PDB file of N, CA and C in Angstrom:
ATOM      1  N   MET A   1     142.614 118.371  97.624  1.00  0.00           N
ATOM      2  CA  MET A   1     142.701 117.628  98.869  1.00  0.00           C
ATOM      3  C   MET A   1     142.538 116.154  98.521  1.00  0.00           C
ATOM      4  N   GLU A   2     143.458 115.341  99.005  1.00  0.00           N
ATOM      5  CA  GLU A   2     143.400 113.901  98.766  1.00  0.00           C
ATOM      6  C   GLU A   2     143.148 113.165 100.079  1.00  0.00           C
ATOM      7  N   HIS A   3     142.395 112.080 100.002  1.00  0.00           N
ATOM      8  CA  HIS A   3     142.036 111.268 101.165  1.00  0.00           C
ATOM      9  C   HIS A   3     142.514 109.843 100.873  1.00  0.00           C
ATOM     10  N   LEU A   4     143.462 109.332 101.670  1.00  0.00           N
ATOM     11  CA  LEU A   4     144.052 108.012 101.461  1.00  0.00           C
ATOM     12  C   LEU A   4     143.798 107.135 102.675  1.00  0.00           C
ATOM     13  N   THR A   5     143.684 105.837 102.469  1.00  0.00           N
ATOM     14  CA  THR A   5     143.547 104.901 103.582  1.00  0.00           C
ATOM     15  C   THR A   5     144.526 103.749 103.394  1.00  0.00           C
ATOM     16  N   PHE A   6     145.071 103.273 104.513  1.00  0.00           N
ATOM     17  CA  PHE A   6     146.025 102.166 104.519  1.00  0.00           C
ATOM     18  C   PHE A   6     145.711 101.285 105.722  1.00  0.00           C
ATOM     19  N   ASP A   7     145.960  99.977 105.587  1.00  0.00           N
ATOM     20  CA  ASP A   7     145.758  99.027 106.680  1.00  0.00           C
ATOM     21  C   ASP A   7     146.994  98.158 106.849  1.00  0.00           C
ATOM     22  N   TYR A   8     147.314  97.845 108.113  1.00  0.00           N
ATOM     23  CA  TYR A   8     148.488  97.035 108.444  1.00  0.00           C
ATOM     24  C   TYR A   8     148.131  96.054 109.548  1.00  0.00           C
ATOM     25  N   PRO A   9     148.771  94.885 109.555  1.00  0.00           N
ATOM     26  CA  PRO A   9     148.546  93.934 110.657  1.00  0.00           C
ATOM     27  C   PRO A   9     149.174  94.460 111.940  1.00  0.00           C
ATOM     28  N   ALA A  10     148.643  94.028 113.063  1.00  0.00           N
ATOM     29  CA  ALA A  10     149.171  94.442 114.368  1.00  0.00           C
ATOM     30  C   ALA A  10     149.327  93.219 115.258  1.00  0.00           C
ATOM     31  N   GLN A  11     150.194  93.349 116.262  1.00  0.00           N
ATOM     32  CA  GLN A  11     150.472  92.242 117.166  1.00  0.00           C
ATOM     33  C   GLN A  11     150.015  92.489 118.600  1.00  0.00           C
ATOM     34  N   ARG A  12     149.773  93.756 118.947  1.00  0.00           N
ATOM     35  CA  ARG A  12     149.437  94.059 120.340  1.00  0.00           C
ATOM     36  C   ARG A  12     148.506  95.259 120.397  1.00  0.00           C
ATOM     37  N   ALA A  13     147.755  95.304 121.470  1.00  0.00           N
ATOM     38  CA  ALA A  13     146.778  96.373 121.657  1.00  0.00           C
ATOM     39  C   ALA A  13     147.457  97.665 122.094  1.00  0.00           C
ATOM     40  N   VAL A  14     146.920  98.762 121.630  1.00  0.00           N
ATOM     41  CA  VAL A  14     147.317 100.093 122.072  1.00  0.00           C
ATOM     42  C   VAL A  14     146.220 100.567 123.021  1.00  0.00           C
ATOM     43  N   THR A  15     146.596 101.118 124.168  1.00  0.00           N
ATOM     44  CA  THR A  15     145.588 101.471 125.168  1.00  0.00           C
ATOM     45  C   THR A  15     145.411 102.965 125.402  1.00  0.00           C
ATOM     46  N   ALA A  16     146.289 103.784 124.849  1.00  0.00           N
ATOM     47  CA  ALA A  16     146.212 105.230 125.089  1.00  0.00           C
ATOM     48  C   ALA A  16     146.093 105.994 123.775  1.00  0.00           C
ATOM     49  N   ARG A  17     145.692 107.236 123.907  1.00  0.00           N
ATOM     50  CA  ARG A  17     145.582 108.138 122.750  1.00  0.00           C
ATOM     51  C   ARG A  17     146.783 109.085 122.727  1.00  0.00           C
ATOM     52  N   ALA A  18     147.042 109.634 121.535  1.00  0.00           N
ATOM     53  CA  ALA A  18     148.092 110.646 121.409  1.00  0.00           C
ATOM     54  C   ALA A  18     147.714 111.634 120.312  1.00  0.00           C
ATOM     55  N   HIS A  19     148.189 112.867 120.479  1.00  0.00           N
ATOM     56  CA  HIS A  19     147.993 113.933 119.498  1.00  0.00           C
ATOM     57  C   HIS A  19     149.301 114.699 119.405  1.00  0.00           C
ATOM     58  N   VAL A  20     149.927 114.679 118.229  1.00  0.00           N
ATOM     59  CA  VAL A  20     151.184 115.402 118.051  1.00  0.00           C
ATOM     60  C   VAL A  20     151.127 116.216 116.764  1.00  0.00           C
ATOM     61  N   GLY A  21     151.893 117.282 116.729  1.00  0.00           N
ATOM     62  CA  GLY A  21     151.982 118.124 115.550  1.00  0.00           C
ATOM     63  C   GLY A  21     150.805 119.060 115.408  1.00  0.00           C
ATOM     64  N   VAL A  22     150.911 119.923 114.399  1.00  0.00           N
ATOM     65  CA  VAL A  22     149.861 120.877 114.069  1.00  0.00           C
ATOM     66  C   VAL A  22     149.694 120.914 112.553  1.00  0.00           C
ATOM     67  N   VAL A  23     148.495 121.211 112.121  1.00  0.00           N
ATOM     68  CA  VAL A  23     148.275 121.380 110.695  1.00  0.00           C
ATOM     69  C   VAL A  23     148.672 122.816 110.364  1.00  0.00           C
ATOM     70  N   GLY A  24     149.674 122.954 109.573  1.00  0.00           N
ATOM     71  CA  GLY A  24     150.153 124.274 109.189  1.00  0.00           C
ATOM     72  C   GLY A  24     151.137 124.134 108.054  1.00  0.00           C
ATOM     73  N   SER A  25     151.649 125.207 107.580  1.00  0.00           N
ATOM     74  CA  SER A  25     152.547 125.206 106.438  1.00  0.00           C
ATOM     75  C   SER A  25     153.723 124.255 106.654  1.00  0.00           C
ATOM     76  N   GLY A  26     153.792 123.218 105.844  1.00  0.00           N
ATOM     77  CA  GLY A  26     154.908 122.284 105.884  1.00  0.00           C
ATOM     78  C   GLY A  26     154.887 121.325 107.056  1.00  0.00           C
ATOM     79  N   ASP A  27     153.784 121.170 107.742  1.00  0.00           N
ATOM     80  CA  ASP A  27     153.726 120.282 108.901  1.00  0.00           C
ATOM     81  C   ASP A  27     152.468 119.423 108.819  1.00  0.00           C
ATOM     82  N   LEU A  28     152.266 118.606 109.829  1.00  0.00           N
ATOM     83  CA  LEU A  28     151.085 117.773 109.883  1.00  0.00           C
ATOM     84  C   LEU A  28     150.736 117.415 111.313  1.00  0.00           C
ATOM     85  N   GLU A  29     149.546 116.902 111.472  1.00  0.00           N
ATOM     86  CA  GLU A  29     149.014 116.494 112.763  1.00  0.00           C
ATOM     87  C   GLU A  29     148.761 114.986 112.702  1.00  0.00           C
ATOM     88  N   VAL A  30     149.135 114.281 113.781  1.00  0.00           N
ATOM     89  CA  VAL A  30     148.865 112.854 113.888  1.00  0.00           C
ATOM     90  C   VAL A  30     148.004 112.616 115.125  1.00  0.00           C
ATOM     91  N   LEU A  31     146.871 111.953 114.925  1.00  0.00           N
ATOM     92  CA  LEU A  31     145.988 111.543 116.008  1.00  0.00           C
ATOM     93  C   LEU A  31     146.026 110.024 116.062  1.00  0.00           C
ATOM     94  N   LEU A  32     146.433 109.466 117.189  1.00  0.00           N
ATOM     95  CA  LEU A  32     146.539 108.020 117.358  1.00  0.00           C
ATOM     96  C   LEU A  32     145.603 107.596 118.476  1.00  0.00           C
ATOM     97  N   SER A  33     144.809 106.561 118.219  1.00  0.00           N
ATOM     98  CA  SER A  33     143.901 106.044 119.246  1.00  0.00           C
ATOM     99  C   SER A  33     143.851 104.524 119.145  1.00  0.00           C
ATOM    100  N   PRO A  34     143.410 103.866 120.223  1.00  0.00           N
ATOM    101  CA  PRO A  34     143.323 102.403 120.191  1.00  0.00           C
ATOM    102  C   PRO A  34     142.373 101.921 119.097  1.00  0.00           C
ATOM    103  N   ALA A  35     142.727 100.809 118.466  1.00  0.00           N
ATOM    104  CA  ALA A  35     141.879 100.211 117.433  1.00  0.00           C
ATOM    105  C   ALA A  35     140.880  99.256 118.070  1.00  0.00           C
ATOM    106  N   THR A  36     139.814  98.981 117.360  1.00  0.00           N
ATOM    107  CA  THR A  36     138.817  98.039 117.839  1.00  0.00           C
ATOM    108  C   THR A  36     139.128  96.606 117.415  1.00  0.00           C
ATOM    109  N   SER A  37     140.122  96.435 116.543  1.00  0.00           N
ATOM    110  CA  SER A  37     140.542  95.097 116.111  1.00  0.00           C
ATOM    111  C   SER A  37     142.066  95.033 116.148  1.00  0.00           C
ATOM    112  N   MET A  38     142.608  93.858 115.913  1.00  0.00           N
ATOM    113  CA  MET A  38     144.065  93.709 115.935  1.00  0.00           C
ATOM    114  C   MET A  38     144.650  94.058 114.572  1.00  0.00           C
ATOM    115  N   SER A  39     144.477  95.314 114.206  1.00  0.00           N
ATOM    116  CA  SER A  39     145.068  95.846 112.986  1.00  0.00           C
ATOM    117  C   SER A  39     145.290  97.342 113.181  1.00  0.00           C
ATOM    118  N   ALA A  40     146.083  97.889 112.310  1.00  0.00           N
ATOM    119  CA  ALA A  40     146.315  99.330 112.327  1.00  0.00           C
ATOM    120  C   ALA A  40     145.707  99.903 111.052  1.00  0.00           C
ATOM    121  N   SER A  41     144.937 100.953 111.204  1.00  0.00           N
ATOM    122  CA  SER A  41     144.376 101.625 110.038  1.00  0.00           C
ATOM    123  C   SER A  41     144.826 103.079 110.064  1.00  0.00           C
ATOM    124  N   VAL A  42     145.141 103.573 108.873  1.00  0.00           N
ATOM    125  CA  VAL A  42     145.643 104.942 108.743  1.00  0.00           C
ATOM    126  C   VAL A  42     144.785 105.669 107.717  1.00  0.00           C
ATOM    127  N   ILE A  43     144.314 106.834 108.108  1.00  0.00           N
ATOM    128  CA  ILE A  43     143.613 107.729 107.192  1.00  0.00           C
ATOM    129  C   ILE A  43     144.479 108.968 107.033  1.00  0.00           C
ATOM    130  N   VAL A  44     144.787 109.302 105.797  1.00  0.00           N
ATOM    131  CA  VAL A  44     145.603 110.482 105.495  1.00  0.00           C
ATOM    132  C   VAL A  44     144.737 111.474 104.740  1.00  0.00           C
ATOM    133  N   ARG A  45     144.690 112.693 105.247  1.00  0.00           N
ATOM    134  CA  ARG A  45     144.060 113.811 104.543  1.00  0.00           C
ATOM    135  C   ARG A  45     145.188 114.780 104.224  1.00  0.00           C
ATOM    136  N   THR A  46     145.455 114.954 102.940  1.00  0.00           N
ATOM    137  CA  THR A  46     146.590 115.789 102.556  1.00  0.00           C
ATOM    138  C   THR A  46     146.189 116.842 101.537  1.00  0.00           C
ATOM    139  N   SER A  47     146.839 117.981 101.638  1.00  0.00           N
ATOM    140  CA  SER A  47     146.583 119.073 100.697  1.00  0.00           C
ATOM    141  C   SER A  47     147.356 118.887  99.401  1.00  0.00           C
ATOM    142  N   VAL A  48     148.241 117.891  99.355  1.00  0.00           N
ATOM    143  CA  VAL A  48     149.085 117.661  98.176  1.00  0.00           C
ATOM    144  C   VAL A  48     148.611 116.392  97.475  1.00  0.00           C
ATOM    145  N   ASP A  49     148.091 116.516  96.275  1.00  0.00           N
ATOM    146  CA  ASP A  49     147.583 115.378  95.514  1.00  0.00           C
ATOM    147  C   ASP A  49     148.702 114.657  94.757  1.00  0.00           C
ATOM    148  N   GLY A  50     148.495 113.358  94.523  1.00  0.00           N
ATOM    149  CA  GLY A  50     149.384 112.607  93.646  1.00  0.00           C
ATOM    150  C   GLY A  50     150.583 111.954  94.299  1.00  0.00           C
ATOM    151  N   TYR A  51     150.636 111.887  95.609  1.00  0.00           N
ATOM    152  CA  TYR A  51     151.804 111.314  96.282  1.00  0.00           C
ATOM    153  C   TYR A  51     151.448 110.076  97.113  1.00  0.00           C
ATOM    154  N   SER A  52     150.424 109.337  96.714  1.00  0.00           N
ATOM    155  CA  SER A  52     150.027 108.159  97.489  1.00  0.00           C
ATOM    156  C   SER A  52     151.149 107.130  97.564  1.00  0.00           C
ATOM    157  N   HIS A  53     151.959 107.011  96.518  1.00  0.00           N
ATOM    158  CA  HIS A  53     153.074 106.052  96.545  1.00  0.00           C
ATOM    159  C   HIS A  53     154.129 106.450  97.583  1.00  0.00           C
ATOM    160  N   ILE A  54     154.331 107.732  97.803  1.00  0.00           N
ATOM    161  CA  ILE A  54     155.272 108.195  98.832  1.00  0.00           C
ATOM    162  C   ILE A  54     154.695 107.924 100.219  1.00  0.00           C
ATOM    163  N   TRP A  55     153.408 108.225 100.409  1.00  0.00           N
ATOM    164  CA  TRP A  55     152.757 107.936 101.686  1.00  0.00           C
ATOM    165  C   TRP A  55     152.864 106.449 102.006  1.00  0.00           C
ATOM    166  N   LYS A  56     152.590 105.601 101.007  1.00  0.00           N
ATOM    167  CA  LYS A  56     152.666 104.156 101.225  1.00  0.00           C
ATOM    168  C   LYS A  56     154.076 103.739 101.629  1.00  0.00           C
ATOM    169  N   SER A  57     155.082 104.270 100.998  1.00  0.00           N
ATOM    170  CA  SER A  57     156.469 103.933 101.341  1.00  0.00           C
ATOM    171  C   SER A  57     156.812 104.333 102.773  1.00  0.00           C
ATOM    172  N   VAL A  58     156.441 105.539 103.172  1.00  0.00           N
ATOM    173  CA  VAL A  58     156.728 106.011 104.528  1.00  0.00           C
ATOM    174  C   VAL A  58     155.985 105.167 105.554  1.00  0.00           C
ATOM    175  N   LEU A  59     154.724 104.888 105.301  1.00  0.00           N
ATOM    176  CA  LEU A  59     153.931 104.090 106.243  1.00  0.00           C
ATOM    177  C   LEU A  59     154.396 102.635 106.282  1.00  0.00           C
ATOM    178  N   ASP A  60     154.731 102.058 105.128  1.00  0.00           N
ATOM    179  CA  ASP A  60     155.268 100.695 105.111  1.00  0.00           C
ATOM    180  C   ASP A  60     156.512 100.600 105.988  1.00  0.00           C
ATOM    181  N   ARG A  61     157.389 101.566 105.864  1.00  0.00           N
ATOM    182  CA  ARG A  61     158.618 101.560 106.674  1.00  0.00           C
ATOM    183  C   ARG A  61     158.297 101.691 108.167  1.00  0.00           C
ATOM    184  N   PHE A  62     157.395 102.597 108.509  1.00  0.00           N
ATOM    185  CA  PHE A  62     157.019 102.771 109.913  1.00  0.00           C
ATOM    186  C   PHE A  62     156.449 101.477 110.487  1.00  0.00           C
ATOM    187  N   PHE A  63     155.567 100.820 109.738  1.00  0.00           N
ATOM    188  CA  PHE A  63     154.907  99.627 110.259  1.00  0.00           C
ATOM    189  C   PHE A  63     155.782  98.371 110.195  1.00  0.00           C
ATOM    190  N   THR A  64     156.984  98.452 109.670  1.00  0.00           N
ATOM    191  CA  THR A  64     157.921  97.339 109.838  1.00  0.00           C
ATOM    192  C   THR A  64     158.486  97.343 111.249  1.00  0.00           C
ATOM    193  N   ARG A  65     158.435  98.497 111.924  1.00  0.00           N
ATOM    194  CA  ARG A  65     158.949  98.622 113.288  1.00  0.00           C
ATOM    195  C   ARG A  65     157.847  98.734 114.337  1.00  0.00           C
ATOM    196  N   TYR A  66     156.701  99.227 113.962  1.00  0.00           N
ATOM    197  CA  TYR A  66     155.620  99.479 114.913  1.00  0.00           C
ATOM    198  C   TYR A  66     154.530  98.437 114.720  1.00  0.00           C
ATOM    199  N   ASP A  67     154.164  97.736 115.803  1.00  0.00           N
ATOM    200  CA  ASP A  67     153.197  96.640 115.684  1.00  0.00           C
ATOM    201  C   ASP A  67     151.927  96.868 116.504  1.00  0.00           C
ATOM    202  N   GLY A  68     151.630  98.116 116.839  1.00  0.00           N
ATOM    203  CA  GLY A  68     150.461  98.426 117.651  1.00  0.00           C
ATOM    204  C   GLY A  68     149.175  98.470 116.845  1.00  0.00           C
ATOM    205  N   ALA A  69     148.098  97.987 117.471  1.00  0.00           N
ATOM    206  CA  ALA A  69     146.766  98.043 116.868  1.00  0.00           C
ATOM    207  C   ALA A  69     146.187  99.429 117.157  1.00  0.00           C
ATOM    208  N   ALA A  70     146.253 100.297 116.173  1.00  0.00           N
ATOM    209  CA  ALA A  70     145.862 101.689 116.380  1.00  0.00           C
ATOM    210  C   ALA A  70     145.078 102.212 115.185  1.00  0.00           C
ATOM    211  N   GLN A  71     144.264 103.215 115.466  1.00  0.00           N
ATOM    212  CA  GLN A  71     143.632 103.995 114.412  1.00  0.00           C
ATOM    213  C   GLN A  71     144.420 105.296 114.353  1.00  0.00           C
ATOM    214  N   ILE A  72     144.944 105.617 113.190  1.00  0.00           N
ATOM    215  CA  ILE A  72     145.780 106.799 113.038  1.00  0.00           C
ATOM    216  C   ILE A  72     145.158 107.707 111.982  1.00  0.00           C
ATOM    217  N   GLU A  73     144.999 108.955 112.355  1.00  0.00           N
ATOM    218  CA  GLU A  73     144.539 109.975 111.415  1.00  0.00           C
ATOM    219  C   GLU A  73     145.666 110.966 111.219  1.00  0.00           C
ATOM    220  N   ILE A  74     145.980 111.237 109.964  1.00  0.00           N
ATOM    221  CA  ILE A  74     147.024 112.205 109.637  1.00  0.00           C
ATOM    222  C   ILE A  74     146.393 113.321 108.826  1.00  0.00           C
ATOM    223  N   ASN A  75     146.546 114.544 109.314  1.00  0.00           N
ATOM    224  CA  ASN A  75     146.076 115.736 108.612  1.00  0.00           C
ATOM    225  C   ASN A  75     147.318 116.501 108.177  1.00  0.00           C
ATOM    226  N   ASP A  76     147.562 116.498 106.869  1.00  0.00           N
ATOM    227  CA  ASP A  76     148.825 117.003 106.312  1.00  0.00           C
ATOM    228  C   ASP A  76     148.640 118.319 105.567  1.00  0.00           C
ATOM    229  N   PHE A  77     149.655 119.157 105.693  1.00  0.00           N
ATOM    230  CA  PHE A  77     149.681 120.397 104.922  1.00  0.00           C
ATOM    231  C   PHE A  77     151.054 120.550 104.273  1.00  0.00           C
ATOM    232  N   GLY A  78     151.481 119.496 103.536  1.00  0.00           N
ATOM    233  CA  GLY A  78     152.718 119.565 102.773  1.00  0.00           C
ATOM    234  C   GLY A  78     153.966 119.142 103.512  1.00  0.00           C
ATOM    235  N   ALA A  79     153.852 118.283 104.514  1.00  0.00           N
ATOM    236  CA  ALA A  79     155.025 117.820 105.262  1.00  0.00           C
ATOM    237  C   ALA A  79     155.896 116.918 104.389  1.00  0.00           C
ATOM    238  N   THR A  80     157.186 116.951 104.644  1.00  0.00           N
ATOM    239  CA  THR A  80     158.116 116.072 103.936  1.00  0.00           C
ATOM    240  C   THR A  80     158.042 114.667 104.535  1.00  0.00           C
ATOM    241  N   PRO A  81     158.515 113.641 103.812  1.00  0.00           N
ATOM    242  CA  PRO A  81     158.519 112.281 104.369  1.00  0.00           C
ATOM    243  C   PRO A  81     159.259 112.183 105.704  1.00  0.00           C
ATOM    244  N   GLY A  82     160.322 112.935 105.877  1.00  0.00           N
ATOM    245  CA  GLY A  82     161.044 112.923 107.151  1.00  0.00           C
ATOM    246  C   GLY A  82     160.197 113.435 108.300  1.00  0.00           C
ATOM    247  N   VAL A  83     159.424 114.466 108.076  1.00  0.00           N
ATOM    248  CA  VAL A  83     158.538 115.011 109.108  1.00  0.00           C
ATOM    249  C   VAL A  83     157.420 114.013 109.409  1.00  0.00           C
ATOM    250  N   VAL A  84     156.906 113.353 108.377  1.00  0.00           N
ATOM    251  CA  VAL A  84     155.867 112.342 108.584  1.00  0.00           C
ATOM    252  C   VAL A  84     156.397 111.240 109.502  1.00  0.00           C
ATOM    253  N   ALA A  85     157.577 110.714 109.199  1.00  0.00           N
ATOM    254  CA  ALA A  85     158.180 109.648 110.011  1.00  0.00           C
ATOM    255  C   ALA A  85     158.404 110.119 111.447  1.00  0.00           C
ATOM    256  N   LEU A  86     158.876 111.342 111.616  1.00  0.00           N
ATOM    257  CA  LEU A  86     159.104 111.894 112.947  1.00  0.00           C
ATOM    258  C   LEU A  86     157.805 112.000 113.733  1.00  0.00           C
ATOM    259  N   ARG A  87     156.755 112.538 113.139  1.00  0.00           N
ATOM    260  CA  ARG A  87     155.478 112.697 113.835  1.00  0.00           C
ATOM    261  C   ARG A  87     154.857 111.341 114.183  1.00  0.00           C
ATOM    262  N   LEU A  88     154.971 110.359 113.295  1.00  0.00           N
ATOM    263  CA  LEU A  88     154.460 109.024 113.610  1.00  0.00           C
ATOM    264  C   LEU A  88     155.190 108.435 114.812  1.00  0.00           C
ATOM    265  N   ALA A  89     156.514 108.561 114.843  1.00  0.00           N
ATOM    266  CA  ALA A  89     157.296 108.065 115.981  1.00  0.00           C
ATOM    267  C   ALA A  89     156.917 108.806 117.261  1.00  0.00           C
ATOM    268  N   GLU A  90     156.735 110.116 117.169  1.00  0.00           N
ATOM    269  CA  GLU A  90     156.327 110.901 118.338  1.00  0.00           C
ATOM    270  C   GLU A  90     154.969 110.450 118.861  1.00  0.00           C
ATOM    271  N   ALA A  91     154.031 110.182 117.967  1.00  0.00           N
ATOM    272  CA  ALA A  91     152.701 109.738 118.398  1.00  0.00           C
ATOM    273  C   ALA A  91     152.788 108.380 119.084  1.00  0.00           C
ATOM    274  N   ALA A  92     153.569 107.463 118.533  1.00  0.00           N
ATOM    275  CA  ALA A  92     153.742 106.144 119.148  1.00  0.00           C
ATOM    276  C   ALA A  92     154.365 106.277 120.528  1.00  0.00           C
ATOM    277  N   GLU A  93     155.377 107.120 120.644  1.00  0.00           N
ATOM    278  CA  GLU A  93     156.028 107.330 121.942  1.00  0.00           C
ATOM    279  C   GLU A  93     155.082 107.970 122.945  1.00  0.00           C
ATOM    280  N   ALA A  94     154.304 108.935 122.497  1.00  0.00           N
ATOM    281  CA  ALA A  94     153.368 109.608 123.400  1.00  0.00           C
ATOM    282  C   ALA A  94     152.288 108.650 123.898  1.00  0.00           C
ATOM    283  N   ALA A  95     151.853 107.738 123.046  1.00  0.00           N
ATOM    284  CA  ALA A  95     150.793 106.807 123.431  1.00  0.00           C
ATOM    285  C   ALA A  95     151.296 105.657 124.281  1.00  0.00           C
ATOM    286  N   GLU A  96     152.551 105.259 124.086  1.00  0.00           N
ATOM    287  CA  GLU A  96     153.020 104.019 124.701  1.00  0.00           C
ATOM    288  C   GLU A  96     154.294 104.114 125.517  1.00  0.00           C
ATOM    289  N   GLY A  97     154.989 105.199 125.446  1.00  0.00           N
ATOM    290  CA  GLY A  97     156.248 105.290 126.177  1.00  0.00           C
ATOM    291  C   GLY A  97     157.403 105.604 125.246  1.00  0.00           C
ATOM    292  N   THR A  98     158.547 105.833 125.797  1.00  0.00           N
ATOM    293  CA  THR A  98     159.700 106.350 125.075  1.00  0.00           C
ATOM    294  C   THR A  98     160.157 105.505 123.904  1.00  0.00           C
ATOM    295  N   HIS A  99     160.118 104.180 124.008  1.00  0.00           N
ATOM    296  CA  HIS A  99     160.693 103.344 122.952  1.00  0.00           C
ATOM    297  C   HIS A  99     159.637 102.543 122.200  1.00  0.00           C
ATOM    298  N   ALA A 100     158.416 103.046 122.108  1.00  0.00           N
ATOM    299  CA  ALA A 100     157.325 102.273 121.519  1.00  0.00           C
ATOM    300  C   ALA A 100     157.557 101.957 120.039  1.00  0.00           C
ATOM    301  N   ALA A 101     158.197 102.832 119.312  1.00  0.00           N
ATOM    302  CA  ALA A 101     158.374 102.606 117.872  1.00  0.00           C
ATOM    303  C   ALA A 101     159.522 101.666 117.573  1.00  0.00           C
ATOM    304  N   ASP A 102     160.320 101.282 118.565  1.00  0.00           N
ATOM    305  CA  ASP A 102     161.447 100.378 118.348  1.00  0.00           C
ATOM    306  C   ASP A 102     161.303  99.179 119.284  1.00  0.00           C
ATOM    307  N   PRO A 103     160.754  98.057 118.799  1.00  0.00           N
ATOM    308  CA  PRO A 103     160.487  96.913 119.665  1.00  0.00           C
ATOM    309  C   PRO A 103     161.727  96.371 120.370  1.00  0.00           C
ATOM    310  N   GLU A 104     162.890  96.524 119.791  1.00  0.00           N
ATOM    311  CA  GLU A 104     164.108  96.008 120.414  1.00  0.00           C
ATOM    312  C   GLU A 104     164.510  96.781 121.661  1.00  0.00           C
ATOM    313  N   GLN A 105     164.010  98.016 121.814  1.00  0.00           N
ATOM    314  CA  GLN A 105     164.379  98.827 122.962  1.00  0.00           C
ATOM    315  C   GLN A 105     163.303  98.890 124.026  1.00  0.00           C
ATOM    316  N   ARG A 106     162.217  98.143 123.870  1.00  0.00           N
ATOM    317  CA  ARG A 106     161.174  98.139 124.899  1.00  0.00           C
ATOM    318  C   ARG A 106     161.681  97.451 126.147  1.00  0.00           C
ATOM    319  N   PRO A 107     161.309  97.961 127.335  1.00  0.00           N
ATOM    320  CA  PRO A 107     161.735  97.297 128.584  1.00  0.00           C
ATOM    321  C   PRO A 107     161.108  95.933 128.738  1.00  0.00           C
TER     322      PRO A 107
END
């Protein structure tokens, strides 16, 4: 079991919580909640060791589009990078509305 942490700058406050996905074979759970500061912090708990560089790449890409100040917990059980990106987008949408992960499409 590996435990990773990442931090990203944020531009706006997140006011709601979200919970998407399940911890199970090939999937993961994302818990998103408002941050106490204007930054985003991510804690990853994964059953697959040695892939911190992949996690960093997926999260770096997500945070080029998402600017919310959130605390994100990811509980992984072998999800692929595509599933990780999907669950992160779902959590952002659940917490903030349909187009939260794409700033250009916000009303």
